Each structure stands twice: as C-alpha cells, then as structure tokens.
Amino acid sequence: SSASPVSDDTSATTDAIYPHSFNSA
C-alpha cells in the first residue's frame, strides 16, 4: 500500500518504511 506519503528526504528511507498491506489480485 502507499499509505505513507512519498518524500524526497533520504532519512525517510530509514525511519518511515512503507507498511505491508494487501489488495486483491
């Protein structure tokens, strides 16, 4: 899921990992 906003801040890749969620195939 893209539940978290996209950021260009490189620190976001260490602190705000996108949650794993699911959808239908």
PDBML (XML) file of the C-alpha atoms, coordinates in Angstrom:
<?xml version="1.0" encoding="UTF-8" ?>
<PDBx:datablock datablockName="MODEL"
   xmlns:PDBx="http://pdbml.pdb.org/schema/pdbx-v50.xsd"
   xmlns:xsi="http://www.w3.org/2001/XMLSchema-instance"
   xsi:schemaLocation="http://pdbml.pdb.org/schema/pdbx-v50.xsd pdbx-v50.xsd">
   <PDBx:atom_siteCategory>
      <PDBx:atom_site id="1">
         <PDBx:B_iso_or_equiv>0.00</PDBx:B_iso_or_equiv>
         <PDBx:Cartn_x>0.000</PDBx:Cartn_x>
         <PDBx:Cartn_y>0.000</PDBx:Cartn_y>
         <PDBx:Cartn_z>0.000</PDBx:Cartn_z>
         <PDBx:auth_asym_id>A</PDBx:auth_asym_id>
         <PDBx:auth_atom_id>CA</PDBx:auth_atom_id>
         <PDBx:auth_comp_id>SER</PDBx:auth_comp_id>
         <PDBx:auth_seq_id>1</PDBx:auth_seq_id>
         <PDBx:group_PDB>ATOM</PDBx:group_PDB>
         <PDBx:label_alt_id xsi:nil="true" />
         <PDBx:label_asym_id>A</PDBx:label_asym_id>
         <PDBx:label_atom_id>CA</PDBx:label_atom_id>
         <PDBx:label_comp_id>SER</PDBx:label_comp_id>
         <PDBx:label_entity_id>1</PDBx:label_entity_id>
         <PDBx:label_seq_id>1</PDBx:label_seq_id>
         <PDBx:occupancy>1.00</PDBx:occupancy>
         <PDBx:pdbx_PDB_model_num>1</PDBx:pdbx_PDB_model_num>
         <PDBx:type_symbol>C</PDBx:type_symbol>
      </PDBx:atom_site>
      <PDBx:atom_site id="2">
         <PDBx:B_iso_or_equiv>0.00</PDBx:B_iso_or_equiv>
         <PDBx:Cartn_x>1.104</PDBx:Cartn_x>
         <PDBx:Cartn_y>3.578</PDBx:Cartn_y>
         <PDBx:Cartn_z>-0.499</PDBx:Cartn_z>
         <PDBx:auth_asym_id>A</PDBx:auth_asym_id>
         <PDBx:auth_atom_id>CA</PDBx:auth_atom_id>
         <PDBx:auth_comp_id>SER</PDBx:auth_comp_id>
         <PDBx:auth_seq_id>2</PDBx:auth_seq_id>
         <PDBx:group_PDB>ATOM</PDBx:group_PDB>
         <PDBx:label_alt_id xsi:nil="true" />
         <PDBx:label_asym_id>A</PDBx:label_asym_id>
         <PDBx:label_atom_id>CA</PDBx:label_atom_id>
         <PDBx:label_comp_id>SER</PDBx:label_comp_id>
         <PDBx:label_entity_id>1</PDBx:label_entity_id>
         <PDBx:label_seq_id>2</PDBx:label_seq_id>
         <PDBx:occupancy>1.00</PDBx:occupancy>
         <PDBx:pdbx_PDB_model_num>1</PDBx:pdbx_PDB_model_num>
         <PDBx:type_symbol>C</PDBx:type_symbol>
      </PDBx:atom_site>
      <PDBx:atom_site id="3">
         <PDBx:B_iso_or_equiv>0.00</PDBx:B_iso_or_equiv>
         <PDBx:Cartn_x>-0.338</PDBx:Cartn_x>
         <PDBx:Cartn_y>4.568</PDBx:Cartn_y>
         <PDBx:Cartn_z>2.868</PDBx:Cartn_z>
         <PDBx:auth_asym_id>A</PDBx:auth_asym_id>
         <PDBx:auth_atom_id>CA</PDBx:auth_atom_id>
         <PDBx:auth_comp_id>ALA</PDBx:auth_comp_id>
         <PDBx:auth_seq_id>3</PDBx:auth_seq_id>
         <PDBx:group_PDB>ATOM</PDBx:group_PDB>
         <PDBx:label_alt_id xsi:nil="true" />
         <PDBx:label_asym_id>A</PDBx:label_asym_id>
         <PDBx:label_atom_id>CA</PDBx:label_atom_id>
         <PDBx:label_comp_id>ALA</PDBx:label_comp_id>
         <PDBx:label_entity_id>1</PDBx:label_entity_id>
         <PDBx:label_seq_id>3</PDBx:label_seq_id>
         <PDBx:occupancy>1.00</PDBx:occupancy>
         <PDBx:pdbx_PDB_model_num>1</PDBx:pdbx_PDB_model_num>
         <PDBx:type_symbol>C</PDBx:type_symbol>
      </PDBx:atom_site>
      <PDBx:atom_site id="4">
         <PDBx:B_iso_or_equiv>0.00</PDBx:B_iso_or_equiv>
         <PDBx:Cartn_x>2.634</PDBx:Cartn_x>
         <PDBx:Cartn_y>6.815</PDBx:Cartn_y>
         <PDBx:Cartn_z>3.645</PDBx:Cartn_z>
         <PDBx:auth_asym_id>A</PDBx:auth_asym_id>
         <PDBx:auth_atom_id>CA</PDBx:auth_atom_id>
         <PDBx:auth_comp_id>SER</PDBx:auth_comp_id>
         <PDBx:auth_seq_id>4</PDBx:auth_seq_id>
         <PDBx:group_PDB>ATOM</PDBx:group_PDB>
         <PDBx:label_alt_id xsi:nil="true" />
         <PDBx:label_asym_id>A</PDBx:label_asym_id>
         <PDBx:label_atom_id>CA</PDBx:label_atom_id>
         <PDBx:label_comp_id>SER</PDBx:label_comp_id>
         <PDBx:label_entity_id>1</PDBx:label_entity_id>
         <PDBx:label_seq_id>4</PDBx:label_seq_id>
         <PDBx:occupancy>1.00</PDBx:occupancy>
         <PDBx:pdbx_PDB_model_num>1</PDBx:pdbx_PDB_model_num>
         <PDBx:type_symbol>C</PDBx:type_symbol>
      </PDBx:atom_site>
      <PDBx:atom_site id="5">
         <PDBx:B_iso_or_equiv>0.00</PDBx:B_iso_or_equiv>
         <PDBx:Cartn_x>3.342</PDBx:Cartn_x>
         <PDBx:Cartn_y>9.981</PDBx:Cartn_y>
         <PDBx:Cartn_z>1.659</PDBx:Cartn_z>
         <PDBx:auth_asym_id>A</PDBx:auth_asym_id>
         <PDBx:auth_atom_id>CA</PDBx:auth_atom_id>
         <PDBx:auth_comp_id>PRO</PDBx:auth_comp_id>
         <PDBx:auth_seq_id>5</PDBx:auth_seq_id>
         <PDBx:group_PDB>ATOM</PDBx:group_PDB>
         <PDBx:label_alt_id xsi:nil="true" />
         <PDBx:label_asym_id>A</PDBx:label_asym_id>
         <PDBx:label_atom_id>CA</PDBx:label_atom_id>
         <PDBx:label_comp_id>PRO</PDBx:label_comp_id>
         <PDBx:label_entity_id>1</PDBx:label_entity_id>
         <PDBx:label_seq_id>5</PDBx:label_seq_id>
         <PDBx:occupancy>1.00</PDBx:occupancy>
         <PDBx:pdbx_PDB_model_num>1</PDBx:pdbx_PDB_model_num>
         <PDBx:type_symbol>C</PDBx:type_symbol>
      </PDBx:atom_site>
      <PDBx:atom_site id="6">
         <PDBx:B_iso_or_equiv>0.00</PDBx:B_iso_or_equiv>
         <PDBx:Cartn_x>6.284</PDBx:Cartn_x>
         <PDBx:Cartn_y>9.927</PDBx:Cartn_y>
         <PDBx:Cartn_z>-0.727</PDBx:Cartn_z>
         <PDBx:auth_asym_id>A</PDBx:auth_asym_id>
         <PDBx:auth_atom_id>CA</PDBx:auth_atom_id>
         <PDBx:auth_comp_id>VAL</PDBx:auth_comp_id>
         <PDBx:auth_seq_id>6</PDBx:auth_seq_id>
         <PDBx:group_PDB>ATOM</PDBx:group_PDB>
         <PDBx:label_alt_id xsi:nil="true" />
         <PDBx:label_asym_id>A</PDBx:label_asym_id>
         <PDBx:label_atom_id>CA</PDBx:label_atom_id>
         <PDBx:label_comp_id>VAL</PDBx:label_comp_id>
         <PDBx:label_entity_id>1</PDBx:label_entity_id>
         <PDBx:label_seq_id>6</PDBx:label_seq_id>
         <PDBx:occupancy>1.00</PDBx:occupancy>
         <PDBx:pdbx_PDB_model_num>1</PDBx:pdbx_PDB_model_num>
         <PDBx:type_symbol>C</PDBx:type_symbol>
      </PDBx:atom_site>
      <PDBx:atom_site id="7">
         <PDBx:B_iso_or_equiv>0.00</PDBx:B_iso_or_equiv>
         <PDBx:Cartn_x>9.161</PDBx:Cartn_x>
         <PDBx:Cartn_y>12.141</PDBx:Cartn_y>
         <PDBx:Cartn_z>0.363</PDBx:Cartn_z>
         <PDBx:auth_asym_id>A</PDBx:auth_asym_id>
         <PDBx:auth_atom_id>CA</PDBx:auth_atom_id>
         <PDBx:auth_comp_id>SER</PDBx:auth_comp_id>
         <PDBx:auth_seq_id>7</PDBx:auth_seq_id>
         <PDBx:group_PDB>ATOM</PDBx:group_PDB>
         <PDBx:label_alt_id xsi:nil="true" />
         <PDBx:label_asym_id>A</PDBx:label_asym_id>
         <PDBx:label_atom_id>CA</PDBx:label_atom_id>
         <PDBx:label_comp_id>SER</PDBx:label_comp_id>
         <PDBx:label_entity_id>1</PDBx:label_entity_id>
         <PDBx:label_seq_id>7</PDBx:label_seq_id>
         <PDBx:occupancy>1.00</PDBx:occupancy>
         <PDBx:pdbx_PDB_model_num>1</PDBx:pdbx_PDB_model_num>
         <PDBx:type_symbol>C</PDBx:type_symbol>
      </PDBx:atom_site>
      <PDBx:atom_site id="8">
         <PDBx:B_iso_or_equiv>0.00</PDBx:B_iso_or_equiv>
         <PDBx:Cartn_x>12.450</PDBx:Cartn_x>
         <PDBx:Cartn_y>13.095</PDBx:Cartn_y>
         <PDBx:Cartn_z>-1.247</PDBx:Cartn_z>
         <PDBx:auth_asym_id>A</PDBx:auth_asym_id>
         <PDBx:auth_atom_id>CA</PDBx:auth_atom_id>
         <PDBx:auth_comp_id>ASP</PDBx:auth_comp_id>
         <PDBx:auth_seq_id>8</PDBx:auth_seq_id>
         <PDBx:group_PDB>ATOM</PDBx:group_PDB>
         <PDBx:label_alt_id xsi:nil="true" />
         <PDBx:label_asym_id>A</PDBx:label_asym_id>
         <PDBx:label_atom_id>CA</PDBx:label_atom_id>
         <PDBx:label_comp_id>ASP</PDBx:label_comp_id>
         <PDBx:label_entity_id>1</PDBx:label_entity_id>
         <PDBx:label_seq_id>8</PDBx:label_seq_id>
         <PDBx:occupancy>1.00</PDBx:occupancy>
         <PDBx:pdbx_PDB_model_num>1</PDBx:pdbx_PDB_model_num>
         <PDBx:type_symbol>C</PDBx:type_symbol>
      </PDBx:atom_site>
      <PDBx:atom_site id="9">
         <PDBx:B_iso_or_equiv>0.00</PDBx:B_iso_or_equiv>
         <PDBx:Cartn_x>14.114</PDBx:Cartn_x>
         <PDBx:Cartn_y>13.178</PDBx:Cartn_y>
         <PDBx:Cartn_z>2.188</PDBx:Cartn_z>
         <PDBx:auth_asym_id>A</PDBx:auth_asym_id>
         <PDBx:auth_atom_id>CA</PDBx:auth_atom_id>
         <PDBx:auth_comp_id>ASP</PDBx:auth_comp_id>
         <PDBx:auth_seq_id>9</PDBx:auth_seq_id>
         <PDBx:group_PDB>ATOM</PDBx:group_PDB>
         <PDBx:label_alt_id xsi:nil="true" />
         <PDBx:label_asym_id>A</PDBx:label_asym_id>
         <PDBx:label_atom_id>CA</PDBx:label_atom_id>
         <PDBx:label_comp_id>ASP</PDBx:label_comp_id>
         <PDBx:label_entity_id>1</PDBx:label_entity_id>
         <PDBx:label_seq_id>9</PDBx:label_seq_id>
         <PDBx:occupancy>1.00</PDBx:occupancy>
         <PDBx:pdbx_PDB_model_num>1</PDBx:pdbx_PDB_model_num>
         <PDBx:type_symbol>C</PDBx:type_symbol>
      </PDBx:atom_site>
      <PDBx:atom_site id="10">
         <PDBx:B_iso_or_equiv>0.00</PDBx:B_iso_or_equiv>
         <PDBx:Cartn_x>16.633</PDBx:Cartn_x>
         <PDBx:Cartn_y>10.332</PDBx:Cartn_y>
         <PDBx:Cartn_z>2.258</PDBx:Cartn_z>
         <PDBx:auth_asym_id>A</PDBx:auth_asym_id>
         <PDBx:auth_atom_id>CA</PDBx:auth_atom_id>
         <PDBx:auth_comp_id>THR</PDBx:auth_comp_id>
         <PDBx:auth_seq_id>10</PDBx:auth_seq_id>
         <PDBx:group_PDB>ATOM</PDBx:group_PDB>
         <PDBx:label_alt_id xsi:nil="true" />
         <PDBx:label_asym_id>A</PDBx:label_asym_id>
         <PDBx:label_atom_id>CA</PDBx:label_atom_id>
         <PDBx:label_comp_id>THR</PDBx:label_comp_id>
         <PDBx:label_entity_id>1</PDBx:label_entity_id>
         <PDBx:label_seq_id>10</PDBx:label_seq_id>
         <PDBx:occupancy>1.00</PDBx:occupancy>
         <PDBx:pdbx_PDB_model_num>1</PDBx:pdbx_PDB_model_num>
         <PDBx:type_symbol>C</PDBx:type_symbol>
      </PDBx:atom_site>
      <PDBx:atom_site id="11">
         <PDBx:B_iso_or_equiv>0.00</PDBx:B_iso_or_equiv>
         <PDBx:Cartn_x>16.080</PDBx:Cartn_x>
         <PDBx:Cartn_y>9.896</PDBx:Cartn_y>
         <PDBx:Cartn_z>6.015</PDBx:Cartn_z>
         <PDBx:auth_asym_id>A</PDBx:auth_asym_id>
         <PDBx:auth_atom_id>CA</PDBx:auth_atom_id>
         <PDBx:auth_comp_id>SER</PDBx:auth_comp_id>
         <PDBx:auth_seq_id>11</PDBx:auth_seq_id>
         <PDBx:group_PDB>ATOM</PDBx:group_PDB>
         <PDBx:label_alt_id xsi:nil="true" />
         <PDBx:label_asym_id>A</PDBx:label_asym_id>
         <PDBx:label_atom_id>CA</PDBx:label_atom_id>
         <PDBx:label_comp_id>SER</PDBx:label_comp_id>
         <PDBx:label_entity_id>1</PDBx:label_entity_id>
         <PDBx:label_seq_id>11</PDBx:label_seq_id>
         <PDBx:occupancy>1.00</PDBx:occupancy>
         <PDBx:pdbx_PDB_model_num>1</PDBx:pdbx_PDB_model_num>
         <PDBx:type_symbol>C</PDBx:type_symbol>
      </PDBx:atom_site>
      <PDBx:atom_site id="12">
         <PDBx:B_iso_or_equiv>0.00</PDBx:B_iso_or_equiv>
         <PDBx:Cartn_x>12.563</PDBx:Cartn_x>
         <PDBx:Cartn_y>8.726</PDBx:Cartn_y>
         <PDBx:Cartn_z>5.212</PDBx:Cartn_z>
         <PDBx:auth_asym_id>A</PDBx:auth_asym_id>
         <PDBx:auth_atom_id>CA</PDBx:auth_atom_id>
         <PDBx:auth_comp_id>ALA</PDBx:auth_comp_id>
         <PDBx:auth_seq_id>12</PDBx:auth_seq_id>
         <PDBx:group_PDB>ATOM</PDBx:group_PDB>
         <PDBx:label_alt_id xsi:nil="true" />
         <PDBx:label_asym_id>A</PDBx:label_asym_id>
         <PDBx:label_atom_id>CA</PDBx:label_atom_id>
         <PDBx:label_comp_id>ALA</PDBx:label_comp_id>
         <PDBx:label_entity_id>1</PDBx:label_entity_id>
         <PDBx:label_seq_id>12</PDBx:label_seq_id>
         <PDBx:occupancy>1.00</PDBx:occupancy>
         <PDBx:pdbx_PDB_model_num>1</PDBx:pdbx_PDB_model_num>
         <PDBx:type_symbol>C</PDBx:type_symbol>
      </PDBx:atom_site>
      <PDBx:atom_site id="13">
         <PDBx:B_iso_or_equiv>0.00</PDBx:B_iso_or_equiv>
         <PDBx:Cartn_x>14.009</PDBx:Cartn_x>
         <PDBx:Cartn_y>5.501</PDBx:Cartn_y>
         <PDBx:Cartn_z>3.873</PDBx:Cartn_z>
         <PDBx:auth_asym_id>A</PDBx:auth_asym_id>
         <PDBx:auth_atom_id>CA</PDBx:auth_atom_id>
         <PDBx:auth_comp_id>THR</PDBx:auth_comp_id>
         <PDBx:auth_seq_id>13</PDBx:auth_seq_id>
         <PDBx:group_PDB>ATOM</PDBx:group_PDB>
         <PDBx:label_alt_id xsi:nil="true" />
         <PDBx:label_asym_id>A</PDBx:label_asym_id>
         <PDBx:label_atom_id>CA</PDBx:label_atom_id>
         <PDBx:label_comp_id>THR</PDBx:label_comp_id>
         <PDBx:label_entity_id>1</PDBx:label_entity_id>
         <PDBx:label_seq_id>13</PDBx:label_seq_id>
         <PDBx:occupancy>1.00</PDBx:occupancy>
         <PDBx:pdbx_PDB_model_num>1</PDBx:pdbx_PDB_model_num>
         <PDBx:type_symbol>C</PDBx:type_symbol>
      </PDBx:atom_site>
      <PDBx:atom_site id="14">
         <PDBx:B_iso_or_equiv>0.00</PDBx:B_iso_or_equiv>
         <PDBx:Cartn_x>15.370</PDBx:Cartn_x>
         <PDBx:Cartn_y>4.658</PDBx:Cartn_y>
         <PDBx:Cartn_z>7.310</PDBx:Cartn_z>
         <PDBx:auth_asym_id>A</PDBx:auth_asym_id>
         <PDBx:auth_atom_id>CA</PDBx:auth_atom_id>
         <PDBx:auth_comp_id>THR</PDBx:auth_comp_id>
         <PDBx:auth_seq_id>14</PDBx:auth_seq_id>
         <PDBx:group_PDB>ATOM</PDBx:group_PDB>
         <PDBx:label_alt_id xsi:nil="true" />
         <PDBx:label_asym_id>A</PDBx:label_asym_id>
         <PDBx:label_atom_id>CA</PDBx:label_atom_id>
         <PDBx:label_comp_id>THR</PDBx:label_comp_id>
         <PDBx:label_entity_id>1</PDBx:label_entity_id>
         <PDBx:label_seq_id>14</PDBx:label_seq_id>
         <PDBx:occupancy>1.00</PDBx:occupancy>
         <PDBx:pdbx_PDB_model_num>1</PDBx:pdbx_PDB_model_num>
         <PDBx:type_symbol>C</PDBx:type_symbol>
      </PDBx:atom_site>
      <PDBx:atom_site id="15">
         <PDBx:B_iso_or_equiv>0.00</PDBx:B_iso_or_equiv>
         <PDBx:Cartn_x>12.551</PDBx:Cartn_x>
         <PDBx:Cartn_y>5.914</PDBx:Cartn_y>
         <PDBx:Cartn_z>9.522</PDBx:Cartn_z>
         <PDBx:auth_asym_id>A</PDBx:auth_asym_id>
         <PDBx:auth_atom_id>CA</PDBx:auth_atom_id>
         <PDBx:auth_comp_id>ASP</PDBx:auth_comp_id>
         <PDBx:auth_seq_id>15</PDBx:auth_seq_id>
         <PDBx:group_PDB>ATOM</PDBx:group_PDB>
         <PDBx:label_alt_id xsi:nil="true" />
         <PDBx:label_asym_id>A</PDBx:label_asym_id>
         <PDBx:label_atom_id>CA</PDBx:label_atom_id>
         <PDBx:label_comp_id>ASP</PDBx:label_comp_id>
         <PDBx:label_entity_id>1</PDBx:label_entity_id>
         <PDBx:label_seq_id>15</PDBx:label_seq_id>
         <PDBx:occupancy>1.00</PDBx:occupancy>
         <PDBx:pdbx_PDB_model_num>1</PDBx:pdbx_PDB_model_num>
         <PDBx:type_symbol>C</PDBx:type_symbol>
      </PDBx:atom_site>
      <PDBx:atom_site id="16">
         <PDBx:B_iso_or_equiv>0.00</PDBx:B_iso_or_equiv>
         <PDBx:Cartn_x>9.286</PDBx:Cartn_x>
         <PDBx:Cartn_y>5.636</PDBx:Cartn_y>
         <PDBx:Cartn_z>7.578</PDBx:Cartn_z>
         <PDBx:auth_asym_id>A</PDBx:auth_asym_id>
         <PDBx:auth_atom_id>CA</PDBx:auth_atom_id>
         <PDBx:auth_comp_id>ALA</PDBx:auth_comp_id>
         <PDBx:auth_seq_id>16</PDBx:auth_seq_id>
         <PDBx:group_PDB>ATOM</PDBx:group_PDB>
         <PDBx:label_alt_id xsi:nil="true" />
         <PDBx:label_asym_id>A</PDBx:label_asym_id>
         <PDBx:label_atom_id>CA</PDBx:label_atom_id>
         <PDBx:label_comp_id>ALA</PDBx:label_comp_id>
         <PDBx:label_entity_id>1</PDBx:label_entity_id>
         <PDBx:label_seq_id>16</PDBx:label_seq_id>
         <PDBx:occupancy>1.00</PDBx:occupancy>
         <PDBx:pdbx_PDB_model_num>1</PDBx:pdbx_PDB_model_num>
         <PDBx:type_symbol>C</PDBx:type_symbol>
      </PDBx:atom_site>
      <PDBx:atom_site id="17">
         <PDBx:B_iso_or_equiv>0.00</PDBx:B_iso_or_equiv>
         <PDBx:Cartn_x>9.169</PDBx:Cartn_x>
         <PDBx:Cartn_y>2.319</PDBx:Cartn_y>
         <PDBx:Cartn_z>5.742</PDBx:Cartn_z>
         <PDBx:auth_asym_id>A</PDBx:auth_asym_id>
         <PDBx:auth_atom_id>CA</PDBx:auth_atom_id>
         <PDBx:auth_comp_id>ILE</PDBx:auth_comp_id>
         <PDBx:auth_seq_id>17</PDBx:auth_seq_id>
         <PDBx:group_PDB>ATOM</PDBx:group_PDB>
         <PDBx:label_alt_id xsi:nil="true" />
         <PDBx:label_asym_id>A</PDBx:label_asym_id>
         <PDBx:label_atom_id>CA</PDBx:label_atom_id>
         <PDBx:label_comp_id>ILE</PDBx:label_comp_id>
         <PDBx:label_entity_id>1</PDBx:label_entity_id>
         <PDBx:label_seq_id>17</PDBx:label_seq_id>
         <PDBx:occupancy>1.00</PDBx:occupancy>
         <PDBx:pdbx_PDB_model_num>1</PDBx:pdbx_PDB_model_num>
         <PDBx:type_symbol>C</PDBx:type_symbol>
      </PDBx:atom_site>
      <PDBx:atom_site id="18">
         <PDBx:B_iso_or_equiv>0.00</PDBx:B_iso_or_equiv>
         <PDBx:Cartn_x>6.003</PDBx:Cartn_x>
         <PDBx:Cartn_y>1.727</PDBx:Cartn_y>
         <PDBx:Cartn_z>3.795</PDBx:Cartn_z>
         <PDBx:auth_asym_id>A</PDBx:auth_asym_id>
         <PDBx:auth_atom_id>CA</PDBx:auth_atom_id>
         <PDBx:auth_comp_id>TYR</PDBx:auth_comp_id>
         <PDBx:auth_seq_id>18</PDBx:auth_seq_id>
         <PDBx:group_PDB>ATOM</PDBx:group_PDB>
         <PDBx:label_alt_id xsi:nil="true" />
         <PDBx:label_asym_id>A</PDBx:label_asym_id>
         <PDBx:label_atom_id>CA</PDBx:label_atom_id>
         <PDBx:label_comp_id>TYR</PDBx:label_comp_id>
         <PDBx:label_entity_id>1</PDBx:label_entity_id>
         <PDBx:label_seq_id>18</PDBx:label_seq_id>
         <PDBx:occupancy>1.00</PDBx:occupancy>
         <PDBx:pdbx_PDB_model_num>1</PDBx:pdbx_PDB_model_num>
         <PDBx:type_symbol>C</PDBx:type_symbol>
      </PDBx:atom_site>
      <PDBx:atom_site id="19">
         <PDBx:B_iso_or_equiv>0.00</PDBx:B_iso_or_equiv>
         <PDBx:Cartn_x>3.679</PDBx:Cartn_x>
         <PDBx:Cartn_y>-0.660</PDBx:Cartn_y>
         <PDBx:Cartn_z>5.662</PDBx:Cartn_z>
         <PDBx:auth_asym_id>A</PDBx:auth_asym_id>
         <PDBx:auth_atom_id>CA</PDBx:auth_atom_id>
         <PDBx:auth_comp_id>PRO</PDBx:auth_comp_id>
         <PDBx:auth_seq_id>19</PDBx:auth_seq_id>
         <PDBx:group_PDB>ATOM</PDBx:group_PDB>
         <PDBx:label_alt_id xsi:nil="true" />
         <PDBx:label_asym_id>A</PDBx:label_asym_id>
         <PDBx:label_atom_id>CA</PDBx:label_atom_id>
         <PDBx:label_comp_id>PRO</PDBx:label_comp_id>
         <PDBx:label_entity_id>1</PDBx:label_entity_id>
         <PDBx:label_seq_id>19</PDBx:label_seq_id>
         <PDBx:occupancy>1.00</PDBx:occupancy>
         <PDBx:pdbx_PDB_model_num>1</PDBx:pdbx_PDB_model_num>
         <PDBx:type_symbol>C</PDBx:type_symbol>
      </PDBx:atom_site>
      <PDBx:atom_site id="20">
         <PDBx:B_iso_or_equiv>0.00</PDBx:B_iso_or_equiv>
         <PDBx:Cartn_x>2.970</PDBx:Cartn_x>
         <PDBx:Cartn_y>-4.034</PDBx:Cartn_y>
         <PDBx:Cartn_z>4.097</PDBx:Cartn_z>
         <PDBx:auth_asym_id>A</PDBx:auth_asym_id>
         <PDBx:auth_atom_id>CA</PDBx:auth_atom_id>
         <PDBx:auth_comp_id>HIS</PDBx:auth_comp_id>
         <PDBx:auth_seq_id>20</PDBx:auth_seq_id>
         <PDBx:group_PDB>ATOM</PDBx:group_PDB>
         <PDBx:label_alt_id xsi:nil="true" />
         <PDBx:label_asym_id>A</PDBx:label_asym_id>
         <PDBx:label_atom_id>CA</PDBx:label_atom_id>
         <PDBx:label_comp_id>HIS</PDBx:label_comp_id>
         <PDBx:label_entity_id>1</PDBx:label_entity_id>
         <PDBx:label_seq_id>20</PDBx:label_seq_id>
         <PDBx:occupancy>1.00</PDBx:occupancy>
         <PDBx:pdbx_PDB_model_num>1</PDBx:pdbx_PDB_model_num>
         <PDBx:type_symbol>C</PDBx:type_symbol>
      </PDBx:atom_site>
      <PDBx:atom_site id="21">
         <PDBx:B_iso_or_equiv>0.00</PDBx:B_iso_or_equiv>
         <PDBx:Cartn_x>-0.701</PDBx:Cartn_x>
         <PDBx:Cartn_y>-4.331</PDBx:Cartn_y>
         <PDBx:Cartn_z>3.266</PDBx:Cartn_z>
         <PDBx:auth_asym_id>A</PDBx:auth_asym_id>
         <PDBx:auth_atom_id>CA</PDBx:auth_atom_id>
         <PDBx:auth_comp_id>SER</PDBx:auth_comp_id>
         <PDBx:auth_seq_id>21</PDBx:auth_seq_id>
         <PDBx:group_PDB>ATOM</PDBx:group_PDB>
         <PDBx:label_alt_id xsi:nil="true" />
         <PDBx:label_asym_id>A</PDBx:label_asym_id>
         <PDBx:label_atom_id>CA</PDBx:label_atom_id>
         <PDBx:label_comp_id>SER</PDBx:label_comp_id>
         <PDBx:label_entity_id>1</PDBx:label_entity_id>
         <PDBx:label_seq_id>21</PDBx:label_seq_id>
         <PDBx:occupancy>1.00</PDBx:occupancy>
         <PDBx:pdbx_PDB_model_num>1</PDBx:pdbx_PDB_model_num>
         <PDBx:type_symbol>C</PDBx:type_symbol>
      </PDBx:atom_site>
      <PDBx:atom_site id="22">
         <PDBx:B_iso_or_equiv>0.00</PDBx:B_iso_or_equiv>
         <PDBx:Cartn_x>-2.564</PDBx:Cartn_x>
         <PDBx:Cartn_y>-6.269</PDBx:Cartn_y>
         <PDBx:Cartn_z>0.644</PDBx:Cartn_z>
         <PDBx:auth_asym_id>A</PDBx:auth_asym_id>
         <PDBx:auth_atom_id>CA</PDBx:auth_atom_id>
         <PDBx:auth_comp_id>PHE</PDBx:auth_comp_id>
         <PDBx:auth_seq_id>22</PDBx:auth_seq_id>
         <PDBx:group_PDB>ATOM</PDBx:group_PDB>
         <PDBx:label_alt_id xsi:nil="true" />
         <PDBx:label_asym_id>A</PDBx:label_asym_id>
         <PDBx:label_atom_id>CA</PDBx:label_atom_id>
         <PDBx:label_comp_id>PHE</PDBx:label_comp_id>
         <PDBx:label_entity_id>1</PDBx:label_entity_id>
         <PDBx:label_seq_id>22</PDBx:label_seq_id>
         <PDBx:occupancy>1.00</PDBx:occupancy>
         <PDBx:pdbx_PDB_model_num>1</PDBx:pdbx_PDB_model_num>
         <PDBx:type_symbol>C</PDBx:type_symbol>
      </PDBx:atom_site>
      <PDBx:atom_site id="23">
         <PDBx:B_iso_or_equiv>0.00</PDBx:B_iso_or_equiv>
         <PDBx:Cartn_x>-5.064</PDBx:Cartn_x>
         <PDBx:Cartn_y>-5.976</PDBx:Cartn_y>
         <PDBx:Cartn_z>-2.120</PDBx:Cartn_z>
         <PDBx:auth_asym_id>A</PDBx:auth_asym_id>
         <PDBx:auth_atom_id>CA</PDBx:auth_atom_id>
         <PDBx:auth_comp_id>ASN</PDBx:auth_comp_id>
         <PDBx:auth_seq_id>23</PDBx:auth_seq_id>
         <PDBx:group_PDB>ATOM</PDBx:group_PDB>
         <PDBx:label_alt_id xsi:nil="true" />
         <PDBx:label_asym_id>A</PDBx:label_asym_id>
         <PDBx:label_atom_id>CA</PDBx:label_atom_id>
         <PDBx:label_comp_id>ASN</PDBx:label_comp_id>
         <PDBx:label_entity_id>1</PDBx:label_entity_id>
         <PDBx:label_seq_id>23</PDBx:label_seq_id>
         <PDBx:occupancy>1.00</PDBx:occupancy>
         <PDBx:pdbx_PDB_model_num>1</PDBx:pdbx_PDB_model_num>
         <PDBx:type_symbol>C</PDBx:type_symbol>
      </PDBx:atom_site>
      <PDBx:atom_site id="24">
         <PDBx:B_iso_or_equiv>0.00</PDBx:B_iso_or_equiv>
         <PDBx:Cartn_x>-6.895</PDBx:Cartn_x>
         <PDBx:Cartn_y>-8.356</PDBx:Cartn_y>
         <PDBx:Cartn_z>-4.368</PDBx:Cartn_z>
         <PDBx:auth_asym_id>A</PDBx:auth_asym_id>
         <PDBx:auth_atom_id>CA</PDBx:auth_atom_id>
         <PDBx:auth_comp_id>SER</PDBx:auth_comp_id>
         <PDBx:auth_seq_id>24</PDBx:auth_seq_id>
         <PDBx:group_PDB>ATOM</PDBx:group_PDB>
         <PDBx:label_alt_id xsi:nil="true" />
         <PDBx:label_asym_id>A</PDBx:label_asym_id>
         <PDBx:label_atom_id>CA</PDBx:label_atom_id>
         <PDBx:label_comp_id>SER</PDBx:label_comp_id>
         <PDBx:label_entity_id>1</PDBx:label_entity_id>
         <PDBx:label_seq_id>24</PDBx:label_seq_id>
         <PDBx:occupancy>1.00</PDBx:occupancy>
         <PDBx:pdbx_PDB_model_num>1</PDBx:pdbx_PDB_model_num>
         <PDBx:type_symbol>C</PDBx:type_symbol>
      </PDBx:atom_site>
      <PDBx:atom_site id="25">
         <PDBx:B_iso_or_equiv>0.00</PDBx:B_iso_or_equiv>
         <PDBx:Cartn_x>-5.069</PDBx:Cartn_x>
         <PDBx:Cartn_y>-9.933</PDBx:Cartn_y>
         <PDBx:Cartn_z>-7.289</PDBx:Cartn_z>
         <PDBx:auth_asym_id>A</PDBx:auth_asym_id>
         <PDBx:auth_atom_id>CA</PDBx:auth_atom_id>
         <PDBx:auth_comp_id>ALA</PDBx:auth_comp_id>
         <PDBx:auth_seq_id>25</PDBx:auth_seq_id>
         <PDBx:group_PDB>ATOM</PDBx:group_PDB>
         <PDBx:label_alt_id xsi:nil="true" />
         <PDBx:label_asym_id>A</PDBx:label_asym_id>
         <PDBx:label_atom_id>CA</PDBx:label_atom_id>
         <PDBx:label_comp_id>ALA</PDBx:label_comp_id>
         <PDBx:label_entity_id>1</PDBx:label_entity_id>
         <PDBx:label_seq_id>25</PDBx:label_seq_id>
         <PDBx:occupancy>1.00</PDBx:occupancy>
         <PDBx:pdbx_PDB_model_num>1</PDBx:pdbx_PDB_model_num>
         <PDBx:type_symbol>C</PDBx:type_symbol>
      </PDBx:atom_site>
   </PDBx:atom_siteCategory>
</PDBx:datablock>
